[in-house]
Protein backbone atom coordinates (compact mmCIF):
# COMPACT_ATOMS: atom_id res chain seq x y z
CA UNK A 1 35.81 23.40 36.39
CA UNK A 2 33.69 25.25 33.87
CA UNK A 3 32.49 23.43 30.78
CA UNK A 4 34.29 25.92 28.59
CA UNK A 5 36.33 29.05 29.04
CA UNK A 6 35.47 30.40 25.65
CA UNK A 7 32.84 29.94 23.01
CA UNK A 8 33.36 30.15 19.28
CA UNK A 9 30.54 31.06 16.95
CA UNK A 10 30.59 31.30 13.20
CA UNK A 11 28.71 33.54 10.87
CA UNK A 12 25.84 31.29 9.73
CA UNK A 13 25.88 32.82 6.27
CA UNK A 14 29.63 32.54 5.60
CA UNK A 15 31.58 29.80 3.89
CA UNK A 16 35.29 29.29 3.28
CA UNK A 17 37.19 27.99 0.28
CA UNK A 18 38.71 24.62 1.24
CA UNK A 19 41.74 25.08 -1.02
CA UNK A 20 42.84 28.04 1.13
CA UNK A 21 42.87 26.15 4.43
CA UNK A 22 46.35 24.70 4.21
CA UNK A 23 45.17 21.10 4.63
CA UNK A 24 46.57 18.08 2.78
CA UNK A 25 46.31 18.25 -0.99
CA UNK A 26 45.03 14.67 -0.95
CA UNK A 27 41.99 15.74 1.08
CA UNK A 28 41.39 18.88 -1.01
CA UNK A 29 41.47 16.84 -4.23
CA UNK A 30 39.20 14.12 -2.85
CA UNK A 31 36.64 16.67 -1.67
CA UNK A 32 36.83 18.58 -4.95
CA UNK A 33 36.07 15.42 -6.92
CA UNK A 34 32.89 15.11 -4.83
CA UNK A 35 31.91 18.70 -5.55
CA UNK A 36 32.81 19.97 -2.06
CA UNK A 37 34.78 23.21 -2.36
CA UNK A 38 33.52 25.28 0.59
CA UNK A 39 32.99 24.69 4.28
CA UNK A 40 29.72 25.15 6.12
CA UNK A 41 29.66 27.28 9.31
CA UNK A 42 30.30 24.49 11.84
CA UNK A 43 33.08 23.04 9.66
CA UNK A 44 34.78 26.42 9.48
CA UNK A 45 34.34 27.05 13.21
CA UNK A 46 35.75 23.64 14.17
CA UNK A 47 38.65 23.35 11.76
CA UNK A 48 41.25 25.76 13.16
CA UNK A 49 40.92 24.87 16.87
CA UNK A 50 40.70 21.17 16.02
CA UNK A 51 43.93 21.34 14.04
CA UNK A 52 45.50 23.03 17.08
CA UNK A 53 44.60 19.99 19.18
CA UNK A 54 41.81 21.55 21.25
CA UNK A 55 39.15 19.41 22.90
CA UNK A 56 35.72 20.64 21.93
CA UNK A 57 31.98 20.26 22.16
CA UNK A 58 30.22 20.95 18.86
CA UNK A 59 26.53 21.76 18.89
CA UNK A 60 24.69 22.40 15.65
CA UNK A 61 21.41 21.74 13.92
CA UNK A 62 20.96 18.26 12.50
CA UNK A 63 22.31 17.93 8.97
CA UNK A 64 24.81 20.78 9.20
CA UNK A 65 27.85 18.76 8.12
CA UNK A 66 29.28 17.54 11.43
CA UNK A 67 31.10 14.57 9.87
CA UNK A 68 33.44 16.68 7.79
CA UNK A 69 33.76 19.11 10.70
CA UNK A 70 35.67 16.57 12.75
CA UNK A 71 36.83 14.40 9.84
CA UNK A 72 38.99 16.92 8.00
CA UNK A 73 41.24 17.80 10.99
CA UNK A 74 41.68 14.15 12.00
CA UNK A 75 42.47 12.91 8.50
CA UNK A 76 44.85 15.78 7.82
CA UNK A 77 46.75 15.11 11.05
CA UNK A 78 47.09 11.37 10.36
CA UNK A 79 48.27 11.96 6.77
CA UNK A 80 50.92 14.45 7.91
CA UNK A 81 52.10 12.09 10.67
CA UNK A 82 52.39 9.14 8.28
CA UNK A 83 54.56 11.18 5.93
CA UNK A 84 57.14 11.38 8.73
CA UNK A 85 56.67 8.05 10.53
CA UNK A 86 56.08 4.41 9.69
CA UNK A 87 52.46 3.35 9.57
CA UNK A 88 51.15 1.82 12.80
CA UNK A 89 49.15 -1.39 13.19
CA UNK A 90 46.89 0.10 15.84
CA UNK A 91 44.33 2.85 15.16
CA UNK A 92 45.10 6.53 15.60
CA UNK A 93 41.46 7.63 15.60
CA UNK A 94 38.29 6.24 17.17
CA UNK A 95 34.83 7.51 16.24
CA UNK A 96 31.80 6.33 18.22
CA UNK A 97 28.30 6.54 16.73
CA UNK A 98 24.94 5.49 18.22
CA UNK A 99 23.78 3.32 15.30
CA UNK A 100 25.35 1.07 12.72
CA UNK A 101 23.86 3.12 9.89
CA UNK A 102 25.47 6.32 11.13
CA UNK A 103 28.75 4.48 11.78
CA UNK A 104 28.79 3.15 8.23
CA UNK A 105 28.09 6.61 6.83
CA UNK A 106 30.90 8.19 8.85
CA UNK A 107 33.32 5.50 7.69
CA UNK A 108 32.29 6.02 4.06
CA UNK A 109 32.85 9.76 4.47
CA UNK A 110 36.34 9.18 5.89
CA UNK A 111 37.23 6.74 3.11
CA UNK A 112 36.02 9.08 0.38
CA UNK A 113 37.87 12.07 1.88
CA UNK A 114 41.22 10.27 2.36
CA UNK A 115 41.41 7.13 0.18
CA UNK A 116 45.01 6.38 1.19
CA UNK A 117 44.09 5.79 4.84
CA UNK A 118 42.72 2.48 6.08
CA UNK A 119 39.48 2.44 8.03
CA UNK A 120 36.96 -0.08 9.26
CA UNK A 121 33.44 0.00 10.66
CA UNK A 122 32.59 -2.16 13.68
CA UNK A 123 28.99 -2.88 14.73
CA UNK A 124 26.79 -5.71 15.86
CA UNK A 125 24.60 -7.95 13.76
CA UNK A 126 27.45 -9.54 11.78
CA UNK A 127 30.03 -12.21 12.78
CA UNK A 128 32.57 -10.69 15.13
CA UNK A 129 35.47 -12.86 13.86
CA UNK A 130 35.38 -11.12 10.47
CA UNK A 131 35.97 -7.85 12.29
CA UNK A 132 38.74 -9.37 14.40
CA UNK A 133 40.57 -10.44 11.23
CA UNK A 134 40.22 -6.98 9.67
CA UNK A 135 41.73 -5.37 12.78
CA UNK A 136 44.77 -7.64 12.53
CA UNK A 137 45.58 -6.03 9.18
CA UNK A 138 46.05 -2.67 10.89
CA UNK A 139 43.73 0.31 10.72
CA UNK A 140 44.28 4.07 10.82
CA UNK A 141 40.67 4.87 11.72
CA UNK A 142 38.10 2.77 13.58
CA UNK A 143 34.43 3.76 13.45
CA UNK A 144 31.82 1.81 15.37
CA UNK A 145 28.97 1.50 17.81
CA UNK A 146 29.81 1.42 21.54
CA UNK A 147 28.48 -2.10 22.13
CA UNK A 148 30.65 -3.81 19.52
CA UNK A 149 33.68 -1.63 20.27
CA UNK A 150 33.72 -2.53 23.98
CA UNK A 151 33.23 -6.21 23.09
CA UNK A 152 36.29 -6.19 20.83
CA UNK A 153 38.35 -4.26 23.39
CA UNK A 154 37.52 -6.74 26.14
CA UNK A 155 38.41 -9.64 23.82
CA UNK A 156 41.81 -8.07 23.24
CA UNK A 157 41.14 -7.72 19.52
CA UNK A 158 41.07 -3.90 19.51
CA UNK A 159 44.00 -1.97 20.96
CA UNK A 160 43.14 1.62 21.91
CA UNK A 161 46.44 2.42 23.61
CA UNK A 162 47.72 4.71 20.84
CA UNK A 163 44.50 6.49 19.91
CA UNK A 164 45.22 10.20 19.49
CA UNK A 165 41.76 11.33 18.39
CA UNK A 166 38.38 10.26 19.74
CA UNK A 167 35.00 11.54 18.58
CA UNK A 168 31.57 10.99 20.07
CA UNK A 169 29.08 11.67 17.28
CA UNK A 170 25.43 12.33 18.22
CA UNK A 171 26.20 11.81 21.88
CA UNK A 172 22.65 12.66 22.92
CA UNK A 173 21.39 9.68 20.94
CA UNK A 174 23.87 7.36 22.63
CA UNK A 175 22.23 8.40 25.87
CA UNK A 176 18.75 7.78 24.45
CA UNK A 177 19.67 4.27 23.33
CA UNK A 178 21.34 3.40 26.63
CA UNK A 179 25.05 3.40 25.75
CA UNK A 180 26.19 5.46 28.76
CA UNK A 181 28.14 2.66 30.48
CA UNK A 182 29.72 1.38 27.28
CA UNK A 183 30.85 4.87 26.27
CA UNK A 184 32.43 5.59 29.63
CA UNK A 185 34.11 2.16 29.67
CA UNK A 186 35.62 2.81 26.24
CA UNK A 187 36.90 6.23 27.31
CA UNK A 188 38.62 4.63 30.30
CA UNK A 189 40.74 2.48 27.93
CA UNK A 190 42.08 5.50 26.05
CA UNK A 191 45.44 7.14 26.80
CA UNK A 192 45.51 10.30 28.88
CA UNK A 193 47.02 12.38 26.07
CA UNK A 194 44.44 12.55 23.31
CA UNK A 195 42.17 15.00 21.57
CA UNK A 196 38.49 14.46 22.32
CA UNK A 197 35.63 15.98 20.32
CA UNK A 198 31.98 15.58 21.20
CA UNK A 199 29.14 16.45 18.84
CA UNK A 200 25.47 16.58 19.71
CA UNK A 201 22.33 18.25 18.38
CA UNK A 202 21.00 18.69 21.93
CA UNK A 203 22.79 18.92 25.28
CA UNK A 204 21.18 16.68 27.93
CA UNK A 205 22.78 16.58 31.37
CA UNK A 206 24.74 13.37 30.69
CA UNK A 207 26.49 15.01 27.75
CA UNK A 208 27.54 17.91 29.97
CA UNK A 209 28.77 15.52 32.67
CA UNK A 210 30.72 13.55 30.08
CA UNK A 211 32.42 16.64 28.72
CA UNK A 212 33.45 17.80 32.19
CA UNK A 213 34.83 14.38 33.11
CA UNK A 214 36.72 13.41 29.96
CA UNK A 215 37.41 16.60 27.99
CA UNK A 216 40.24 18.98 28.83
CA UNK A 217 39.03 22.59 29.00
CA UNK A 218 36.81 22.09 25.95
CA UNK A 219 36.01 24.82 23.49
CA UNK A 220 32.28 25.04 22.78
CA UNK A 221 31.27 25.51 19.16
CA UNK A 222 27.61 26.43 19.49
CA UNK A 223 25.62 27.44 16.42
CA UNK A 224 22.27 27.04 18.17
CA UNK A 225 22.48 28.96 21.45
CA UNK A 226 21.89 32.42 19.98
CA UNK A 227 18.97 31.29 17.87
CA UNK A 228 15.61 29.78 18.63
CA UNK A 229 15.90 27.76 15.44
CA UNK A 230 17.13 24.21 15.90
CA UNK A 231 16.14 22.90 12.47
CA UNK A 232 17.94 23.63 9.23
CA UNK A 233 16.68 26.74 7.47
CA UNK A 234 15.82 24.81 4.32
CA UNK A 235 13.18 22.60 5.99
CA UNK A 236 9.55 23.63 5.47
CA UNK A 237 7.27 22.43 8.28
CA UNK A 238 3.63 21.45 7.81
CA UNK A 239 1.06 19.81 10.05
CA UNK A 240 -2.23 18.17 9.20
CA UNK A 241 -4.97 17.07 11.57
CA UNK A 242 -6.96 13.95 10.83
CA UNK A 243 -8.49 10.90 12.44
CA UNK A 244 -6.36 7.83 13.12
CA UNK A 245 -8.14 5.59 10.55
CA UNK A 246 -7.70 8.20 7.82
CA UNK A 247 -3.91 8.50 8.06
CA UNK A 248 -3.39 5.80 5.45
CA UNK A 249 -5.58 7.69 2.98
CA UNK A 250 -3.52 10.87 3.37
CA UNK A 251 -0.14 9.25 2.78
CA UNK A 252 -0.16 8.85 -1.04
CA UNK A 253 -1.33 12.42 -1.58
CA UNK A 254 1.23 13.93 0.80
CA UNK A 255 4.03 11.99 -0.88
CA UNK A 256 2.84 12.95 -4.36
CA UNK A 257 2.47 16.63 -3.49
CA UNK A 258 5.61 17.24 -1.42
CA UNK A 259 8.12 14.63 -2.61
CA UNK A 260 7.17 14.95 -6.28
CA UNK A 261 8.91 11.76 -7.28
CA UNK A 262 11.83 12.19 -4.88
CA UNK A 263 12.76 10.27 -1.75
CA UNK A 264 10.53 10.17 1.33
CA UNK A 265 10.97 8.71 4.82
CA UNK A 266 7.84 7.85 6.83
CA UNK A 267 8.45 7.49 10.57
CA UNK A 268 6.69 4.98 12.82
CA UNK A 269 7.19 4.20 16.51
CA UNK A 270 7.35 0.40 16.48
CA UNK A 271 8.87 -2.29 14.29
CA UNK A 272 5.49 -3.99 13.91
CA UNK A 273 3.76 -0.81 12.74
CA UNK A 274 6.56 0.01 10.30
CA UNK A 275 6.34 -3.42 8.71
CA UNK A 276 2.54 -3.34 8.63
CA UNK A 277 2.31 0.11 7.03
CA UNK A 278 4.99 -0.70 4.48
CA UNK A 279 3.23 -3.87 3.37
CA UNK A 280 -0.21 -2.31 3.21
CA UNK A 281 1.02 0.66 1.15
CA UNK A 282 3.61 -1.15 -0.99
CA UNK A 283 1.46 -1.36 -4.12
CA UNK A 284 0.31 2.24 -3.81
CA UNK A 285 3.52 4.08 -2.94
CA UNK A 286 6.19 1.41 -3.50
CA UNK A 287 7.38 1.48 0.10
CA UNK A 288 9.81 -0.75 1.99
CA UNK A 289 10.45 -1.02 5.72
CA UNK A 290 13.56 -0.45 7.85
CA UNK A 291 13.49 -1.61 11.46
CA UNK A 292 15.50 -3.41 14.11
CA UNK A 293 14.08 -6.88 13.49
CA UNK A 294 15.73 -7.03 10.08
CA UNK A 295 19.03 -8.86 9.70
CA UNK A 296 22.00 -6.69 8.86
CA UNK A 297 22.25 -7.81 5.24
CA UNK A 298 18.56 -6.98 4.79
CA UNK A 299 19.07 -3.51 6.26
CA UNK A 300 22.08 -2.91 4.05
CA UNK A 301 20.23 -4.12 0.96
CA UNK A 302 17.22 -1.93 1.73
CA UNK A 303 19.32 1.19 2.34
CA UNK A 304 21.38 0.59 -0.80
CA UNK A 305 18.21 0.26 -2.87
CA UNK A 306 16.81 3.44 -1.32
CA UNK A 307 20.02 5.36 -2.01
CA UNK A 308 20.11 4.13 -5.60
CA UNK A 309 16.50 5.09 -6.29
CA UNK A 310 15.13 1.56 -6.71
CA UNK A 311 12.29 2.69 -4.45
CA UNK A 312 11.48 6.12 -3.03
CA UNK A 313 9.49 5.62 0.18
CA UNK A 314 11.20 4.23 3.28
CA UNK A 315 9.00 3.38 6.28
CA UNK A 316 11.31 3.39 9.29
CA UNK A 317 11.39 3.32 13.06
CA UNK A 318 13.19 6.03 15.00
CA UNK A 319 16.08 3.81 16.10
CA UNK A 320 16.63 2.21 12.70
CA UNK A 321 16.73 5.55 10.86
CA UNK A 322 18.65 7.53 13.48
CA UNK A 323 21.72 9.11 11.97
CA UNK A 324 20.85 8.18 8.39
CA UNK A 325 22.45 10.51 5.87
CA UNK A 326 20.66 9.69 2.64
CA UNK A 327 21.39 12.23 -0.09
CA UNK A 328 18.46 14.26 -1.40
CA UNK A 329 15.63 13.13 0.88
CA UNK A 330 12.84 15.51 -0.12
CA UNK A 331 10.19 14.64 2.44
CA UNK A 332 9.91 13.38 6.01
CA UNK A 333 6.46 12.34 7.24
CA UNK A 334 5.82 11.92 10.95
CA UNK A 335 3.07 9.34 10.53
CA UNK A 336 3.01 8.86 14.29
CA UNK A 337 3.59 11.63 16.80
CA UNK A 338 7.17 11.53 18.18
CA UNK A 339 7.47 11.00 21.93
CA UNK A 340 9.74 14.02 22.41
CA UNK A 341 10.75 17.19 20.63
CA UNK A 342 14.28 15.81 20.31
CA UNK A 343 12.97 12.82 18.36
CA UNK A 344 11.08 15.19 16.07
CA UNK A 345 14.30 17.13 15.55
CA UNK A 346 16.29 14.05 14.59
CA UNK A 347 13.53 12.69 12.36
CA UNK A 348 13.11 15.96 10.49
CA UNK A 349 16.86 16.31 10.14
CA UNK A 350 16.89 13.48 7.60
CA UNK A 351 15.80 16.06 5.01
CA UNK A 352 17.18 19.50 4.24
CA UNK A 353 20.73 18.32 4.92
CA UNK A 354 23.90 20.21 4.05
CA UNK A 355 22.09 23.30 2.80
CA UNK A 356 19.49 21.51 0.67
CA UNK A 357 15.75 22.15 0.77
CA UNK A 358 13.35 19.70 2.38
CA UNK A 359 9.86 19.25 3.78
CA UNK A 360 8.62 17.70 7.04
CA UNK A 361 4.92 16.92 7.59
CA UNK A 362 3.50 16.07 11.01
CA UNK A 363 0.24 14.08 11.01
CA UNK A 364 -1.70 14.42 14.25
CA UNK A 365 -5.14 13.88 15.74
CA UNK A 366 -7.07 16.57 17.55
CA UNK A 367 -6.16 15.02 20.89
CA UNK A 368 -2.50 15.61 20.05
CA UNK A 369 -2.80 19.35 19.44
CA UNK A 370 -1.00 20.19 22.68
CA UNK A 371 1.93 17.97 21.68
CA UNK A 372 2.22 19.93 18.44
CA UNK A 373 2.35 23.21 20.39
CA UNK A 374 5.04 21.70 22.66
CA UNK A 375 7.25 20.88 19.68
CA UNK A 376 6.84 24.42 18.36
CA UNK A 377 7.80 25.86 21.75
CA UNK A 378 10.77 23.55 22.36
CA UNK A 379 12.30 23.89 18.91
CA UNK A 380 11.35 27.48 18.16
CA UNK A 381 9.52 26.50 14.99
CA UNK A 382 6.05 27.05 13.55
CA UNK A 383 3.96 24.60 11.55
CA UNK A 384 1.84 25.68 8.62
CA UNK A 385 -1.39 23.72 8.98
CA UNK A 386 -2.64 22.03 5.82
CA UNK A 387 -6.29 22.10 4.77
CA UNK A 388 -8.20 20.68 1.85
CA UNK A 389 -5.83 17.77 1.20
CA UNK A 390 -7.27 15.16 -1.17
CA UNK A 391 -6.96 11.54 -0.15
CA UNK A 392 -5.78 8.77 -2.41
CA UNK A 393 -9.29 7.92 -3.67
CA UNK A 394 -10.42 11.38 -4.67
CA UNK A 395 -12.33 12.92 -1.77
CA UNK A 396 -11.45 16.36 -0.51
CA UNK A 397 -10.81 16.18 3.22
CA UNK A 398 -11.73 19.06 5.48
CA UNK A 399 -12.06 19.39 9.20
CA UNK A 400 -14.88 20.38 11.49
CA UNK A 401 -14.96 22.83 14.38
CA UNK A 402 -12.41 20.93 16.48
CA UNK A 403 -14.34 17.77 17.30
CA UNK A 404 -12.35 15.80 14.77
CA UNK A 405 -15.18 14.71 12.42
CA UNK A 406 -14.71 14.92 8.69
CA UNK A 407 -17.13 16.81 6.50
CA UNK A 408 -17.43 17.80 2.86
CA UNK A 409 -17.95 21.40 1.77
CA UNK A 410 -21.02 21.14 -0.40
CA UNK A 411 -23.22 23.95 0.88
CA UNK A 412 -26.06 23.32 -1.54
CA UNK A 413 -26.50 19.75 -0.35
CA UNK A 414 -26.27 20.78 3.28
CA UNK A 415 -28.83 23.53 2.82
CA UNK A 416 -31.27 21.12 1.18
CA UNK A 417 -30.87 18.75 4.10
CA UNK A 418 -31.55 21.61 6.47
CA UNK A 419 -34.68 22.84 4.66
CA UNK A 420 -36.17 19.43 3.99
CA UNK A 421 -35.60 17.94 7.41
CA UNK A 422 -35.84 21.07 9.61
CA UNK A 423 -32.71 20.15 11.57
CA UNK A 424 -31.80 22.17 14.61
CA UNK A 425 -28.36 23.80 14.65
CA UNK A 426 -26.92 21.46 17.28
CA UNK A 427 -27.08 18.63 14.75
CA UNK A 428 -24.76 20.59 12.50
CA UNK A 429 -22.06 21.22 15.11
CA UNK A 430 -20.93 24.52 16.55
CA UNK A 431 -20.41 26.15 13.18
CA UNK A 432 -23.82 25.13 11.88
CA UNK A 433 -22.38 22.75 9.27
CA UNK A 434 -23.79 19.29 8.72
CA UNK A 435 -20.96 16.82 9.27
CA UNK A 436 -21.47 14.32 6.48
CA UNK A 437 -21.15 10.68 7.37
CA UNK A 438 -22.71 9.01 4.36
CA UNK A 439 -19.88 8.22 1.92
CA UNK A 440 -22.01 9.30 -1.03
CA UNK A 441 -21.44 12.87 0.11
CA UNK A 442 -17.70 12.29 0.56
CA UNK A 443 -17.41 11.55 -3.15
CA UNK A 444 -16.22 8.16 -4.34
CA UNK A 445 -15.17 7.86 -7.96
CA UNK A 446 -15.20 4.81 -10.14
CA UNK A 447 -17.82 2.47 -8.69
CA UNK A 448 -21.54 2.07 -9.27
CA UNK A 449 -21.92 -0.42 -6.46
CA UNK A 450 -24.07 0.46 -3.50
CA UNK A 451 -21.77 1.38 -0.63
CA UNK A 452 -23.65 -0.84 1.82
CA UNK A 453 -24.84 -4.41 1.47
CA UNK A 454 -28.44 -5.24 2.20
CA UNK A 455 -31.83 -5.78 0.63
CA UNK A 456 -32.14 -2.84 -1.75
CA UNK A 457 -35.65 -3.87 -2.73
CA UNK A 458 -37.05 -3.54 0.78
CA UNK A 459 -39.90 -1.03 1.29
CA UNK A 460 -37.78 1.03 3.66
CA UNK A 461 -34.92 1.25 1.16
CA UNK A 462 -37.20 2.28 -1.72
CA UNK A 463 -38.77 4.94 0.50
CA UNK A 464 -35.33 6.26 1.42
CA UNK A 465 -34.20 6.40 -2.21
CA UNK A 466 -37.34 8.21 -3.31
CA UNK A 467 -37.07 10.75 -0.51
CA UNK A 468 -33.41 11.45 -1.26
CA UNK A 469 -33.91 11.83 -5.00
CA UNK A 470 -36.60 14.42 -4.45
CA UNK A 471 -34.14 17.05 -3.33
CA UNK A 472 -30.67 15.87 -4.37
CA UNK A 473 -29.48 17.11 -7.75
CA UNK A 474 -26.82 15.28 -9.71
CA UNK A 475 -24.84 18.54 -10.03
CA UNK A 476 -24.50 18.62 -6.25
CA UNK A 477 -21.98 15.82 -6.58
CA UNK A 478 -19.48 17.51 -8.85
CA UNK A 479 -16.19 18.90 -7.64
CA UNK A 480 -14.88 22.41 -8.19
CA UNK A 481 -13.75 21.52 -11.72
CA UNK A 482 -17.03 19.95 -12.79
CA UNK A 483 -15.75 16.37 -12.53
CA UNK A 484 -18.16 13.75 -11.29
CA UNK A 485 -17.63 12.94 -7.64
CA UNK A 486 -19.85 9.86 -7.88
CA UNK A 487 -20.88 7.99 -10.97
CA UNK A 488 -24.59 7.33 -10.79
CA UNK A 489 -27.85 7.85 -8.98
CA UNK A 490 -27.79 4.34 -7.64
CA UNK A 491 -25.07 5.58 -5.27
CA UNK A 492 -27.44 8.18 -3.85
CA UNK A 493 -29.14 6.04 -1.27
CA UNK A 494 -29.18 5.53 2.44
CA UNK A 495 -27.80 2.33 3.88
CA UNK A 496 -30.41 -0.20 2.90
CA UNK A 497 -29.81 -2.78 5.60
CA UNK A 498 -32.01 -0.88 8.03
CA UNK A 499 -33.63 2.50 8.56
CA UNK A 500 -32.95 2.57 12.29
CA UNK A 501 -30.34 5.30 12.90
CA UNK A 502 -28.63 3.51 15.79
CA UNK A 503 -28.07 0.42 13.67
CA UNK A 504 -26.02 2.16 11.00
CA UNK A 505 -24.13 4.59 13.20
CA UNK A 506 -21.21 2.18 13.27
CA UNK A 507 -18.46 2.57 10.68
CA UNK A 508 -18.43 0.32 7.63
CA UNK A 509 -16.10 0.15 4.64
CA UNK A 510 -16.81 0.67 0.98
CA UNK A 511 -15.36 -1.38 -1.84
CA UNK A 512 -12.01 0.40 -1.65
CA UNK A 513 -11.56 -0.47 2.00
CA UNK A 514 -11.67 3.14 3.18
CA UNK A 515 -13.11 3.78 6.58
CA UNK A 516 -15.39 6.72 7.37
CA UNK A 517 -16.30 8.80 10.39
CA UNK A 518 -19.91 8.50 11.54
CA UNK A 519 -21.74 11.04 13.64
CA UNK A 520 -24.30 10.53 16.34
CA UNK A 521 -27.08 12.41 14.52
CA UNK A 522 -28.48 11.29 11.17
CA UNK A 523 -31.24 12.97 9.16
CA UNK A 524 -34.60 11.34 9.61
CA UNK A 525 -36.05 9.55 6.62
């Protein structure tokens, strides 16, 4: 059997007035109070066939409004049925979501769109008996994660025998998390006569197999197939190359420039790294962490505070943030390279949702350049590479000829080094530019302390200072606006611990704790 006999596509630029759809006045009024008066393309494409009872597979870019796409037809059908029949104690609709955060958001959307209907959200991490008691009260709509749903079904606490509508939201992510068996077990408990809708941003093989096995001649609503674009149009994509130790220095400036006081989500790969980054940057950017090791009440408290604007930077793991629908997220930062293009898609989809504008910034090292190209190829997107970003301390950061070393664009200083020390070109790199490693040339504002500890009164140190001061002008250490990049001549000295180049090739930290990149070749003293 073919996956679909027909495909419906909507005009990506068109919308439709909700009041003209013929749906329940209760839903129209509830949506109007929330400022929702028109449907987005996937909502319009889904609505009519869904209200006719068709099974379907909906594929659309992340953040395109999938929840209302399947929610409006289901809620309208239940409301119309209840007007003619007595309310049932068992649910009429079941919605499966890969994460508790997404499940909670879907349930909130249903409740806000049809306040008269009862709904509950079932997920792990909280006492199961509280959920058992809520089910005994009778529910019209059940939303939950597959693991907790199958647990309640097997306990006999959740009766699925009269479910008329079932939705698998973000089915590709259920596969990624490992919910295949639970999902198929749940579907086996459902009655034969039901309407099944499956929504997914991508279509891995398991999703296709699932649709063939459990959906009846499904209609495919595909708003991606005819376009190379898989991200929302409103998302601006940027990339910036740096070294691993310097990522922390970039973060405050990126947030300041591209979030501009709005909400940001910074993505990490592991729970440990998310917690570590959040703690280390808390005083600078006011960040908090969201990861799987947190208890449910902590996760809920953190998300509520983020939604309400109590803090604006959320440092999250992929799993913890998957499916989050936080209003008005202005910036997503991929602090660590995602393992797959699909993960990048879902991360970036946390911004630019429902027609809004957003920005996604990918931080990468030179060794990860090929991974960046792979994402561009897979998703049909193109990054604008950032240059000249200033770090949180005040130094302008530029990049060398591809070897990954940082350097500062002060041609006058570099030329004086070249003339005085007669360096050969290979010590300047392929482009003939000296790659500065001494932090005095990077520009550090606000401290008159020597950057390196040691015996500053040693003969070698005095010789180094004298030699440097002979050809370094104070004006060489001003930025483009004439501001002082360092605050005094006492900063203009070589490391005074030793004059042996090999001994100070290793990286050290200045008083602000910033690390620096050191090169193999140093000017002779």
